[in-house]
């Protein structure tokens, strides 16, 4: 991890992130160690580690899946605003396997064994915080919607939050909010 920490301590392009991700996959990096690196005291290093983590989570699920419980166990600890985007996006992607017809049974089975109370609490905190960035809000709304298939009480609370957020929200919040409200109501 020391070598990786050094490599990501400088500004990276998307192409460089993809190259590093590919190398980490070839070397079978510990995803848990990468998750730990997202909590680096250096915010930029944490952000870049989160970006790489997202690439692995989306493109190499078989490598990420064994670390999914660990990922969610650390979710509440995320304080770095730049990391929140990646964590919320990964949460949105994986929680979608709890709702709807298109899902991976392995992922759904793993998720069904997990307790999401602290993740739900964190996602709502991110929605309520007026300093939370638009992308984090949008991904959080979607993840909460996905979790509402398992936790029915989320629907009412999420609907209220979306209506409130749409009052002064960006175009992105309006678009995502409208789509989700149609599903919720």
Protein backbone atom coordinates (compact mmCIF):
# COMPACT_ATOMS: atom_id res chain seq x y z
CA UNK A 1 0.00 0.00 0.00
CA UNK A 2 2.94 2.35 0.52
CA UNK A 3 3.74 2.36 -3.18
CA UNK A 4 0.09 2.96 -4.05
CA UNK A 5 -0.15 5.76 -1.49
CA UNK A 6 2.86 7.42 -3.09
CA UNK A 7 1.43 7.03 -6.61
CA UNK A 8 -1.94 8.53 -5.73
CA UNK A 9 -0.54 11.39 -3.69
CA UNK A 10 -0.35 13.45 -6.89
CA UNK A 11 -3.12 14.58 -9.22
CA UNK A 12 -4.35 11.81 -11.52
CA UNK A 13 -6.25 11.76 -14.79
CA UNK A 14 -9.04 9.26 -15.38
CA UNK A 15 -6.69 7.35 -17.70
CA UNK A 16 -4.11 7.08 -14.90
CA UNK A 17 -6.78 5.92 -12.44
CA UNK A 18 -7.85 3.20 -14.87
CA UNK A 19 -4.23 2.12 -15.36
CA UNK A 20 -3.61 1.94 -11.61
CA UNK A 21 -6.88 0.05 -11.13
CA UNK A 22 -5.86 -2.47 -13.78
CA UNK A 23 -2.48 -2.98 -12.11
CA UNK A 24 -4.08 -3.44 -8.70
CA UNK A 25 -6.43 -6.05 -10.12
CA UNK A 26 -3.55 -7.94 -11.75
CA UNK A 27 -1.69 -7.89 -8.43
CA UNK A 28 -4.82 -8.95 -6.53
CA UNK A 29 -4.69 -5.99 -4.16
CA UNK A 30 -6.50 -6.28 -0.85
CA UNK A 31 -9.74 -4.37 -1.35
CA UNK A 32 -10.01 -4.01 2.43
CA UNK A 33 -6.62 -2.25 2.45
CA UNK A 34 -7.84 0.02 -0.35
CA UNK A 35 -10.98 0.80 1.67
CA UNK A 36 -8.75 1.69 4.62
CA UNK A 37 -6.73 3.99 2.36
CA UNK A 38 -9.90 5.95 1.55
CA UNK A 39 -9.77 7.13 5.17
CA UNK A 40 -6.30 8.62 4.76
CA UNK A 41 -5.60 11.79 6.74
CA UNK A 42 -4.56 13.32 3.42
CA UNK A 43 -7.93 14.16 1.84
CA UNK A 44 -6.61 14.00 -1.74
CA UNK A 45 -5.13 10.54 -1.20
CA UNK A 46 -8.42 9.39 0.33
CA UNK A 47 -10.35 10.82 -2.62
CA UNK A 48 -8.15 9.09 -5.20
CA UNK A 49 -8.31 5.80 -3.29
CA UNK A 50 -12.12 6.12 -3.31
CA UNK A 51 -12.07 6.76 -7.04
CA UNK A 52 -10.03 3.59 -7.60
CA UNK A 53 -12.31 1.68 -5.22
CA UNK A 54 -15.31 2.74 -7.29
CA UNK A 55 -13.62 1.48 -10.46
CA UNK A 56 -13.03 -1.91 -8.86
CA UNK A 57 -16.56 -2.04 -7.40
CA UNK A 58 -18.16 -1.37 -10.79
CA UNK A 59 -15.81 -3.15 -13.17
CA UNK A 60 -14.55 -6.07 -11.10
CA UNK A 61 -17.39 -7.14 -8.86
CA UNK A 62 -15.89 -10.56 -8.21
CA UNK A 63 -12.90 -8.87 -6.60
CA UNK A 64 -15.02 -6.35 -4.68
CA UNK A 65 -17.76 -8.69 -3.41
CA UNK A 66 -15.76 -10.38 -0.62
CA UNK A 67 -15.12 -6.89 0.80
CA UNK A 68 -18.71 -5.68 0.49
CA UNK A 69 -19.53 -6.28 4.19
CA UNK A 70 -16.34 -4.45 5.20
CA UNK A 71 -17.17 -1.58 2.84
CA UNK A 72 -20.58 -1.15 4.44
CA UNK A 73 -19.17 -1.54 7.96
CA UNK A 74 -16.96 1.52 7.38
CA UNK A 75 -19.67 3.56 5.63
CA UNK A 76 -20.67 5.65 8.64
CA UNK A 77 -17.04 6.71 9.15
CA UNK A 78 -16.78 8.58 5.83
CA UNK A 79 -16.08 12.25 6.56
CA UNK A 80 -14.13 13.30 3.46
CA UNK A 81 -16.65 15.15 1.27
CA UNK A 82 -14.90 13.98 -1.90
CA UNK A 83 -15.07 10.33 -0.79
CA UNK A 84 -18.78 10.53 -0.02
CA UNK A 85 -19.59 10.72 -3.73
CA UNK A 86 -17.86 7.41 -4.44
CA UNK A 87 -19.25 5.69 -1.35
CA UNK A 88 -22.80 6.82 -2.15
CA UNK A 89 -22.43 5.76 -5.78
CA UNK A 90 -21.17 2.30 -4.79
CA UNK A 91 -24.01 2.01 -2.26
CA UNK A 92 -26.52 2.96 -4.97
CA UNK A 93 -25.10 0.38 -7.36
CA UNK A 94 -25.07 -2.52 -4.92
CA UNK A 95 -28.35 -1.79 -3.12
CA UNK A 96 -30.20 -1.90 -6.44
CA UNK A 97 -29.87 -5.68 -6.16
CA UNK A 98 -32.40 -5.55 -3.30
CA UNK A 99 -35.16 -4.10 -5.46
CA UNK A 100 -36.56 -4.72 -8.89
CA UNK A 101 -36.27 -7.62 -11.27
CA UNK A 102 -32.72 -7.12 -12.52
CA UNK A 103 -30.34 -8.33 -9.85
CA UNK A 104 -27.46 -10.68 -9.18
CA UNK A 105 -28.59 -13.38 -6.76
CA UNK A 106 -25.14 -13.62 -5.11
CA UNK A 107 -25.17 -9.91 -4.33
CA UNK A 108 -28.78 -9.98 -3.16
CA UNK A 109 -28.05 -12.89 -0.81
CA UNK A 110 -25.07 -11.04 0.69
CA UNK A 111 -27.11 -7.87 1.13
CA UNK A 112 -30.05 -9.67 2.70
CA UNK A 113 -27.73 -10.90 5.46
CA UNK A 114 -26.59 -7.36 6.31
CA UNK A 115 -28.04 -4.82 8.70
CA UNK A 116 -28.36 -1.48 6.92
CA UNK A 117 -29.60 0.68 9.80
CA UNK A 118 -26.35 2.65 10.16
CA UNK A 119 -26.06 3.05 6.38
CA UNK A 120 -29.62 4.35 6.16
CA UNK A 121 -28.90 6.77 8.98
CA UNK A 122 -25.74 7.98 7.24
CA UNK A 123 -27.48 8.40 3.88
CA UNK A 124 -30.25 10.46 5.48
CA UNK A 125 -27.64 12.57 7.29
CA UNK A 126 -26.01 13.28 3.94
CA UNK A 127 -29.39 14.30 2.49
CA UNK A 128 -30.15 16.64 5.37
CA UNK A 129 -26.74 18.33 5.50
CA UNK A 130 -26.95 21.53 3.43
CA UNK A 131 -23.22 21.27 2.61
CA UNK A 132 -23.59 17.91 0.88
CA UNK A 133 -22.78 18.03 -2.83
CA UNK A 134 -25.45 17.38 -5.45
CA UNK A 135 -24.03 14.07 -6.71
CA UNK A 136 -23.85 12.68 -3.17
CA UNK A 137 -27.47 13.70 -2.59
CA UNK A 138 -28.62 12.09 -5.85
CA UNK A 139 -26.77 8.81 -5.19
CA UNK A 140 -27.97 8.78 -1.57
CA UNK A 141 -31.61 9.27 -2.62
CA UNK A 142 -31.33 6.38 -5.06
CA UNK A 143 -29.63 4.09 -2.52
CA UNK A 144 -32.32 4.88 0.04
CA UNK A 145 -35.01 4.15 -2.53
CA UNK A 146 -33.35 0.79 -3.20
CA UNK A 147 -33.29 0.04 0.53
CA UNK A 148 -36.98 0.95 0.86
CA UNK A 149 -37.89 -2.45 -0.59
CA UNK A 150 -36.50 -3.96 2.60
CA UNK A 151 -37.22 -1.15 5.07
CA UNK A 152 -40.72 0.02 4.23
CA UNK A 153 -40.61 3.03 6.60
CA UNK A 154 -38.00 4.69 4.34
CA UNK A 155 -40.60 5.48 1.67
CA UNK A 156 -42.45 8.13 3.67
CA UNK A 157 -39.32 9.75 5.10
CA UNK A 158 -37.52 9.73 1.75
CA UNK A 159 -40.54 11.23 -0.04
CA UNK A 160 -40.64 14.09 2.48
CA UNK A 161 -36.91 14.71 2.13
CA UNK A 162 -37.06 14.69 -1.66
CA UNK A 163 -39.93 17.19 -1.70
CA UNK A 164 -37.97 19.43 0.66
CA UNK A 165 -34.75 19.12 -1.38
CA UNK A 166 -36.55 19.91 -4.64
CA UNK A 167 -37.72 23.30 -3.31
CA UNK A 168 -34.28 24.86 -3.72
CA UNK A 169 -32.39 22.02 -5.39
CA UNK A 170 -30.37 21.94 -8.56
CA UNK A 171 -31.66 20.64 -11.88
CA UNK A 172 -30.04 17.29 -11.07
CA UNK A 173 -31.87 17.05 -7.76
CA UNK A 174 -35.17 17.97 -9.46
CA UNK A 175 -34.69 15.36 -12.16
CA UNK A 176 -33.70 12.54 -9.80
CA UNK A 177 -36.24 13.62 -7.20
CA UNK A 178 -39.12 13.64 -9.67
CA UNK A 179 -38.18 10.19 -10.96
CA UNK A 180 -37.98 8.74 -7.44
CA UNK A 181 -41.18 10.42 -6.24
CA UNK A 182 -43.03 8.80 -9.14
CA UNK A 183 -41.80 5.43 -7.89
CA UNK A 184 -42.45 6.18 -4.22
CA UNK A 185 -45.93 7.72 -4.42
